[in-house]
Amino acid sequence: MSFQIEKKNILDYEVDAIVNAANKELKRGGGVCGQIFAKARDEELEKECNKLAPINPGESVITKGYNLKAKYIIHAVGPIYFDGNQNERKILEAAYRSALELAVEKNLESVVFPLLSSGVYGYPLDEAAEVAVFTIRDFLKNHDLDVSISVLNDNVLKVLKKKNKEWLEK
């Protein structure tokens, strides 16, 4: 079991699965989702997603990786952030857990996440980082899985590493 936070493009990982910050219709979107669909370059991915959609925030599904380095894509839907009083934290935790549970169910050994809901879904960076680190670390207490969080922004990297340090010190 290992846990890493790295500044690296999620598409550059050679892992069993990458996690897509998906929308509930599992359609090509912007950000990480758009990058994944573009790199997969396969209309079969869209067809497979269409069969699985829609899914609710907090849920995940898995598809083949198609033209990606990863064998699979786990599509996890995080919450759209409103005011913090609409169960956003609970839903975001569920999105991470459901993706991790899918990885374990499929006997995968390695998975890499983006920071879910922190882009266009508007989740405050500090809170999104805390949910990611604490949920993943707690899951890894009972499961043998290599997990990474991939980011491209130095500020996001700094916040995630700070939250990881807080978790280790608690």
Protein backbone atom coordinates (compact mmCIF):
# COMPACT_ATOMS: atom_id res chain seq x y z
CA MET A 1 0.00 0.00 0.00
CA SER A 2 1.27 3.45 -0.86
CA PHE A 3 -0.16 6.93 -1.12
CA GLN A 4 1.42 9.69 -3.18
CA ILE A 5 0.58 13.24 -4.16
CA GLU A 6 2.36 14.33 -7.32
CA LYS A 7 2.54 17.11 -9.85
CA LYS A 8 2.08 15.02 -12.96
CA ASN A 9 -0.49 14.71 -15.72
CA ILE A 10 -2.99 11.99 -14.85
CA LEU A 11 -2.71 10.62 -18.39
CA ASP A 12 1.02 9.91 -17.93
CA TYR A 13 0.51 7.29 -15.23
CA GLU A 14 0.93 3.61 -16.03
CA VAL A 15 -1.61 2.28 -13.54
CA ASP A 16 -4.49 -0.14 -13.48
CA ALA A 17 -7.03 2.70 -13.38
CA ILE A 18 -7.29 6.44 -13.61
CA VAL A 19 -10.26 8.20 -12.10
CA ASN A 20 -12.28 10.52 -14.28
CA ALA A 21 -13.88 13.54 -12.62
CA ALA A 22 -17.11 12.66 -14.39
CA ASN A 23 -20.48 14.29 -14.80
CA LYS A 24 -23.57 12.24 -13.99
CA GLU A 25 -24.38 11.69 -17.69
CA LEU A 26 -20.84 10.32 -18.24
CA LYS A 27 -20.42 12.62 -21.24
CA ARG A 28 -17.20 14.23 -22.40
CA GLY A 29 -16.71 17.37 -20.35
CA GLY A 30 -14.01 19.92 -19.75
CA GLY A 31 -10.93 19.67 -17.55
CA VAL A 32 -9.71 16.19 -16.63
CA CYS A 33 -12.81 14.57 -18.14
CA GLY A 34 -12.21 16.22 -21.51
CA GLN A 35 -8.54 15.21 -21.46
CA ILE A 36 -9.41 11.59 -20.74
CA PHE A 37 -11.99 11.36 -23.51
CA ALA A 38 -9.68 13.08 -26.00
CA LYS A 39 -6.73 10.82 -25.20
CA ALA A 40 -8.86 7.65 -25.21
CA ARG A 41 -9.84 8.59 -28.80
CA ASP A 42 -12.39 5.88 -28.94
CA GLU A 43 -16.07 6.13 -29.74
CA GLU A 44 -16.44 2.83 -27.88
CA LEU A 45 -15.73 4.70 -24.63
CA GLU A 46 -18.67 6.98 -25.34
CA LYS A 47 -20.88 4.00 -26.18
CA GLU A 48 -19.86 2.19 -22.99
CA CYS A 49 -20.50 5.33 -20.92
CA ASN A 50 -23.92 5.80 -22.54
CA LYS A 51 -24.93 2.31 -21.39
CA LEU A 52 -23.87 3.04 -17.80
CA ALA A 53 -25.33 6.55 -17.47
CA PRO A 54 -26.74 8.27 -15.61
CA ILE A 55 -25.15 7.84 -12.20
CA ASN A 56 -25.68 9.96 -9.11
CA PRO A 57 -23.16 12.20 -7.37
CA GLY A 58 -21.18 10.03 -4.97
CA GLU A 59 -21.27 7.02 -7.30
CA SER A 60 -18.70 5.49 -9.64
CA VAL A 61 -18.63 3.12 -12.59
CA ILE A 62 -15.77 1.51 -14.46
CA THR A 63 -15.00 1.25 -18.18
CA LYS A 64 -12.13 -0.03 -20.25
CA GLY A 65 -9.16 2.30 -20.68
CA TYR A 66 -9.17 2.11 -24.48
CA ASN A 67 -6.19 4.09 -25.85
CA LEU A 68 -4.96 5.22 -22.42
CA LYS A 69 -1.96 3.83 -20.56
CA ALA A 70 -4.37 2.80 -17.80
CA LYS A 71 -6.28 -0.46 -18.23
CA TYR A 72 -9.48 1.06 -16.83
CA ILE A 73 -11.21 4.38 -16.25
CA ILE A 74 -13.21 4.76 -13.07
CA HIS A 75 -15.79 7.50 -13.60
CA ALA A 76 -16.56 9.15 -10.24
CA VAL A 77 -19.15 11.90 -9.88
CA GLY A 78 -18.47 14.41 -7.15
CA PRO A 79 -20.94 17.02 -5.94
CA ILE A 80 -21.46 20.48 -7.29
CA TYR A 81 -20.61 22.79 -4.39
CA PHE A 82 -23.38 25.14 -3.31
CA ASP A 83 -22.87 26.35 0.25
CA GLY A 84 -21.45 23.41 2.18
CA ASN A 85 -24.85 22.64 3.71
CA GLN A 86 -26.20 20.35 0.97
CA ASN A 87 -24.33 17.19 2.06
CA GLU A 88 -21.48 18.07 -0.30
CA ARG A 89 -18.80 16.63 1.99
CA LYS A 90 -20.67 13.36 2.47
CA ILE A 91 -21.21 13.05 -1.30
CA LEU A 92 -17.56 13.83 -2.08
CA GLU A 93 -16.38 11.24 0.44
CA ALA A 94 -18.75 8.72 -1.16
CA ALA A 95 -17.34 9.46 -4.64
CA TYR A 96 -13.80 8.67 -3.47
CA ARG A 97 -14.91 5.58 -1.52
CA SER A 98 -17.00 4.19 -4.37
CA ALA A 99 -14.07 4.58 -6.80
CA LEU A 100 -11.72 2.87 -4.35
CA GLU A 101 -14.23 0.08 -3.70
CA LEU A 102 -14.54 -0.52 -7.46
CA ALA A 103 -10.76 -0.79 -7.71
CA VAL A 104 -10.70 -3.39 -4.94
CA GLU A 105 -13.68 -5.28 -6.44
CA LYS A 106 -11.81 -5.54 -9.76
CA ASN A 107 -8.60 -6.66 -7.99
CA LEU A 108 -6.72 -3.61 -9.22
CA GLU A 109 -3.42 -2.73 -7.62
CA SER A 110 -2.98 0.92 -8.57
CA VAL A 111 -5.26 3.90 -9.11
CA VAL A 112 -4.72 7.62 -9.63
CA PHE A 113 -7.20 10.39 -8.86
CA PRO A 114 -7.56 14.02 -9.83
CA LEU A 115 -8.87 16.28 -7.07
CA LEU A 116 -12.59 15.62 -7.52
CA SER A 117 -15.11 18.50 -7.59
CA SER A 118 -12.42 21.17 -7.21
CA GLY A 119 -12.66 22.53 -10.76
CA VAL A 120 -15.88 23.62 -12.45
CA TYR A 121 -17.93 22.02 -9.65
CA GLY A 122 -16.61 24.77 -7.36
CA TYR A 123 -15.64 22.83 -4.25
CA PRO A 124 -13.30 25.01 -2.12
CA LEU A 125 -9.73 23.79 -2.61
CA ASP A 126 -8.83 23.44 1.07
CA GLU A 127 -11.94 21.39 1.84
CA ALA A 128 -11.69 19.28 -1.33
CA ALA A 129 -8.07 18.46 -0.48
CA GLU A 130 -8.97 17.47 3.07
CA VAL A 131 -11.78 15.18 1.93
CA ALA A 132 -9.52 13.54 -0.67
CA VAL A 133 -6.59 12.89 1.65
CA PHE A 134 -8.61 11.84 4.69
CA THR A 135 -10.98 9.56 2.75
CA ILE A 136 -8.22 7.85 0.78
CA ARG A 137 -5.95 7.43 3.79
CA ASP A 138 -8.78 6.00 5.91
CA PHE A 139 -9.69 3.55 3.13
CA LEU A 140 -6.07 2.40 2.83
CA LYS A 141 -6.00 1.40 6.50
CA ASN A 142 -7.94 -1.72 5.49
CA HIS A 143 -7.01 -2.23 1.83
CA ASP A 144 -3.78 -2.95 -0.04
CA LEU A 145 -3.81 -0.54 -2.96
CA ASP A 146 -1.37 1.96 -4.44
CA VAL A 147 -3.13 5.33 -4.73
CA SER A 148 -1.92 8.62 -6.15
CA ILE A 149 -3.48 12.05 -6.47
CA SER A 150 -2.33 13.80 -9.61
CA VAL A 151 -2.36 17.59 -9.95
CA LEU A 152 -0.87 20.11 -12.36
CA ASN A 153 -1.13 23.25 -10.24
CA ASP A 154 1.56 24.14 -7.66
CA ASN A 155 -0.98 25.73 -5.31
CA VAL A 156 -3.18 22.63 -5.37
CA LEU A 157 -0.11 20.46 -4.76
CA LYS A 158 0.86 22.58 -1.76
CA VAL A 159 -2.63 22.40 -0.22
CA LEU A 160 -2.83 18.61 -0.70
CA LYS A 161 0.57 18.07 0.88
CA LYS A 162 -0.46 20.25 3.83
CA LYS A 163 -3.63 18.16 4.34
CA ASN A 164 -1.59 14.96 4.07
CA LYS A 165 0.74 16.22 6.79
CA GLU A 166 -2.25 17.08 8.99
CA TRP A 167 -3.64 13.55 8.52
CA LEU A 168 -0.30 12.00 9.44
CA GLU A 169 -0.08 14.15 12.58
CA LYS A 170 -3.60 13.40 13.84
